[in-house]
Every structure is written in structure tokens, then in C-alpha cells.
């Protein structure tokens, strides 16, 4: 069976889904806090088989499932010792869609 390599976005989606799944199996509450998910989202991810996760990732194509925070630029420019504190104090809101989006 021939396989097609995953794109950068697909690899990122796969990696994050697997990290969330593994973290959720160890400690669901901590995983929800770490990844900014609610329990229903975590359960949905945890219920996916490895094959289903791979299917989701490949069928999504280059659509990122996990987008950067709206305050990413400011967090990256803060001193390293301060950025985690500031990030934890701000709400996790996804960045707005890019201008000129096809959707």
C-alpha cells in the first residue's frame, strides 16, 4: 500500500491530537486545563481509534485544528520568565481568521 507523506499542518494536527489523547488518559482534568478543552472535546478525542485519528488528520488536509492564540506575538516578545505568567492570566481565544479567507 502506497502512502502519501503528511504535510506540516497534518503532522502538527496528528501530534497535538495524540498528545491530548495521551494526556487525557493520564489526567482528564489536567489535560482540559493544559489544552484549553472542555470535557466533551476531550472525550471525543479519547474515543477516536488511532485509525480514526489518522483519517481525521488526512481528510482535514492543510486545515489546522489548533490555531495560535490571539496574543501569540506579544507572548513571544515578552521576557521568557514573564510570558508563561502573562499567558496563564489571559483567556485562551483563538486568533481571528486571516483577512481574505476563502471561507
C-alpha atoms as a PDB file:
ATOM      1  CA  UNK A   1       0.000   0.000   0.000  1.00  0.00           C
ATOM      2  CA  UNK A   2       1.471   3.334  -1.055  1.00  0.00           C
ATOM      3  CA  UNK A   3       1.372   6.156   1.455  1.00  0.00           C
ATOM      4  CA  UNK A   4       1.474   9.881   0.984  1.00  0.00           C
ATOM      5  CA  UNK A   5       3.621  11.847   3.412  1.00  0.00           C
ATOM      6  CA  UNK A   6       1.755  14.169   5.730  1.00  0.00           C
ATOM      7  CA  UNK A   7       2.066  17.909   5.255  1.00  0.00           C
ATOM      8  CA  UNK A   8       3.442  20.112   8.036  1.00  0.00           C
ATOM      9  CA  UNK A   9      -0.094  21.046   9.114  1.00  0.00           C
ATOM     10  CA  UNK A  10      -1.223  17.412   9.098  1.00  0.00           C
ATOM     11  CA  UNK A  11       1.784  16.383  11.198  1.00  0.00           C
ATOM     12  CA  UNK A  12       1.023  19.184  13.653  1.00  0.00           C
ATOM     13  CA  UNK A  13      -2.639  18.107  13.881  1.00  0.00           C
ATOM     14  CA  UNK A  14      -1.628  14.476  14.404  1.00  0.00           C
ATOM     15  CA  UNK A  15       0.956  15.315  17.044  1.00  0.00           C
ATOM     16  CA  UNK A  16      -1.378  17.539  19.040  1.00  0.00           C
ATOM     17  CA  UNK A  17      -4.293  15.087  18.858  1.00  0.00           C
ATOM     18  CA  UNK A  18      -2.061  12.281  20.109  1.00  0.00           C
ATOM     19  CA  UNK A  19      -0.619  14.457  22.888  1.00  0.00           C
ATOM     20  CA  UNK A  20      -4.116  15.446  24.007  1.00  0.00           C
ATOM     21  CA  UNK A  21      -5.314  11.832  23.871  1.00  0.00           C
ATOM     22  CA  UNK A  22      -2.375  10.595  25.946  1.00  0.00           C
ATOM     23  CA  UNK A  23      -2.637  13.435  28.477  1.00  0.00           C
ATOM     24  CA  UNK A  24      -6.382  12.866  28.783  1.00  0.00           C
ATOM     25  CA  UNK A  25      -5.887   9.214  29.608  1.00  0.00           C
ATOM     26  CA  UNK A  26      -3.486  10.077  32.436  1.00  0.00           C
ATOM     27  CA  UNK A  27      -5.403  13.009  33.962  1.00  0.00           C
ATOM     28  CA  UNK A  28      -8.529  14.321  32.162  1.00  0.00           C
ATOM     29  CA  UNK A  29      -8.826  17.454  34.304  1.00  0.00           C
ATOM     30  CA  UNK A  30      -5.224  18.476  33.805  1.00  0.00           C
ATOM     31  CA  UNK A  31      -5.457  17.763  30.068  1.00  0.00           C
ATOM     32  CA  UNK A  32      -8.512  20.011  29.729  1.00  0.00           C
ATOM     33  CA  UNK A  33      -6.669  22.815  31.526  1.00  0.00           C
ATOM     34  CA  UNK A  34      -3.414  22.357  29.618  1.00  0.00           C
ATOM     35  CA  UNK A  35      -5.006  22.299  26.183  1.00  0.00           C
ATOM     36  CA  UNK A  36      -7.935  24.663  26.797  1.00  0.00           C
ATOM     37  CA  UNK A  37     -10.564  21.992  26.121  1.00  0.00           C
ATOM     38  CA  UNK A  38     -13.841  21.132  27.750  1.00  0.00           C
ATOM     39  CA  UNK A  39     -14.566  17.587  28.889  1.00  0.00           C
ATOM     40  CA  UNK A  40     -16.787  16.822  25.867  1.00  0.00           C
ATOM     41  CA  UNK A  41     -13.984  17.741  23.464  1.00  0.00           C
ATOM     42  CA  UNK A  42     -11.515  15.614  25.401  1.00  0.00           C
ATOM     43  CA  UNK A  43     -13.903  12.648  25.432  1.00  0.00           C
ATOM     44  CA  UNK A  44     -14.437  12.935  21.685  1.00  0.00           C
ATOM     45  CA  UNK A  45     -10.685  12.842  21.063  1.00  0.00           C
ATOM     46  CA  UNK A  46     -10.185   9.970  23.517  1.00  0.00           C
ATOM     47  CA  UNK A  47     -12.903   7.908  21.840  1.00  0.00           C
ATOM     48  CA  UNK A  48     -11.150   8.027  18.458  1.00  0.00           C
ATOM     49  CA  UNK A  49      -9.174   4.965  17.453  1.00  0.00           C
ATOM     50  CA  UNK A  50      -5.667   5.528  16.091  1.00  0.00           C
ATOM     51  CA  UNK A  51      -7.029   4.817  12.608  1.00  0.00           C
ATOM     52  CA  UNK A  52      -9.819   7.354  13.093  1.00  0.00           C
ATOM     53  CA  UNK A  53      -7.334  10.000  14.248  1.00  0.00           C
ATOM     54  CA  UNK A  54      -5.214   9.414  11.175  1.00  0.00           C
ATOM     55  CA  UNK A  55      -8.304   9.595   8.950  1.00  0.00           C
ATOM     56  CA  UNK A  56      -9.347  12.906  10.512  1.00  0.00           C
ATOM     57  CA  UNK A  57      -5.844  14.286  10.035  1.00  0.00           C
ATOM     58  CA  UNK A  58      -5.531  13.224   6.409  1.00  0.00           C
ATOM     59  CA  UNK A  59      -9.064  14.272   5.473  1.00  0.00           C
ATOM     60  CA  UNK A  60      -8.533  17.729   7.025  1.00  0.00           C
ATOM     61  CA  UNK A  61      -5.778  18.385   4.534  1.00  0.00           C
ATOM     62  CA  UNK A  62      -3.974  21.624   5.358  1.00  0.00           C
ATOM     63  CA  UNK A  63      -6.651  22.920   7.733  1.00  0.00           C
ATOM     64  CA  UNK A  64      -5.160  23.465  11.178  1.00  0.00           C
ATOM     65  CA  UNK A  65      -7.267  22.049  14.005  1.00  0.00           C
ATOM     66  CA  UNK A  66      -5.357  24.016  16.625  1.00  0.00           C
ATOM     67  CA  UNK A  67      -4.751  27.672  15.835  1.00  0.00           C
ATOM     68  CA  UNK A  68      -2.328  30.051  17.567  1.00  0.00           C
ATOM     69  CA  UNK A  69      -3.533  32.256  20.381  1.00  0.00           C
ATOM     70  CA  UNK A  70      -4.656  35.785  19.563  1.00  0.00           C
ATOM     71  CA  UNK A  71      -1.853  37.160  21.734  1.00  0.00           C
ATOM     72  CA  UNK A  72       0.948  34.995  20.311  1.00  0.00           C
ATOM     73  CA  UNK A  73       3.058  37.922  19.055  1.00  0.00           C
ATOM     74  CA  UNK A  74       3.017  39.710  22.388  1.00  0.00           C
ATOM     75  CA  UNK A  75       3.783  36.492  24.298  1.00  0.00           C
ATOM     76  CA  UNK A  76       6.767  35.759  22.055  1.00  0.00           C
ATOM     77  CA  UNK A  77       8.217  39.221  22.610  1.00  0.00           C
ATOM     78  CA  UNK A  78       7.940  39.137  26.413  1.00  0.00           C
ATOM     79  CA  UNK A  79      10.869  38.007  28.551  1.00  0.00           C
ATOM     80  CA  UNK A  80      10.806  34.222  28.843  1.00  0.00           C
ATOM     81  CA  UNK A  81      10.246  34.256  32.608  1.00  0.00           C
ATOM     82  CA  UNK A  82       7.220  36.526  32.238  1.00  0.00           C
ATOM     83  CA  UNK A  83       5.463  35.050  29.193  1.00  0.00           C
ATOM     84  CA  UNK A  84       4.059  31.955  30.951  1.00  0.00           C
ATOM     85  CA  UNK A  85       2.622  34.095  33.742  1.00  0.00           C
ATOM     86  CA  UNK A  86       1.008  36.511  31.292  1.00  0.00           C
ATOM     87  CA  UNK A  87      -0.309  33.636  29.147  1.00  0.00           C
ATOM     88  CA  UNK A  88      -1.966  31.989  32.137  1.00  0.00           C
ATOM     89  CA  UNK A  89      -3.643  35.259  33.113  1.00  0.00           C
ATOM     90  CA  UNK A  90      -5.154  35.874  29.666  1.00  0.00           C
ATOM     91  CA  UNK A  91      -8.118  33.998  28.194  1.00  0.00           C
ATOM     92  CA  UNK A  92      -7.411  31.413  25.502  1.00  0.00           C
ATOM     93  CA  UNK A  93      -9.038  32.951  22.472  1.00  0.00           C
ATOM     94  CA  UNK A  94      -8.058  31.730  19.017  1.00  0.00           C
ATOM     95  CA  UNK A  95      -6.606  34.250  16.613  1.00  0.00           C
ATOM     96  CA  UNK A  96      -9.151  35.656  14.156  1.00  0.00           C
ATOM     97  CA  UNK A  97      -9.261  34.163  10.661  1.00  0.00           C
ATOM     98  CA  UNK A  98      -6.859  35.688   8.183  1.00  0.00           C
ATOM     99  CA  UNK A  99      -8.145  38.505   6.013  1.00  0.00           C
ATOM    100  CA  UNK A 100      -9.152  37.359   2.564  1.00  0.00           C
ATOM    101  CA  UNK A 101     -10.057  33.871   3.731  1.00  0.00           C
ATOM    102  CA  UNK A 102     -11.799  31.698   1.167  1.00  0.00           C
ATOM    103  CA  UNK A 103     -14.445  30.668   3.667  1.00  0.00           C
END
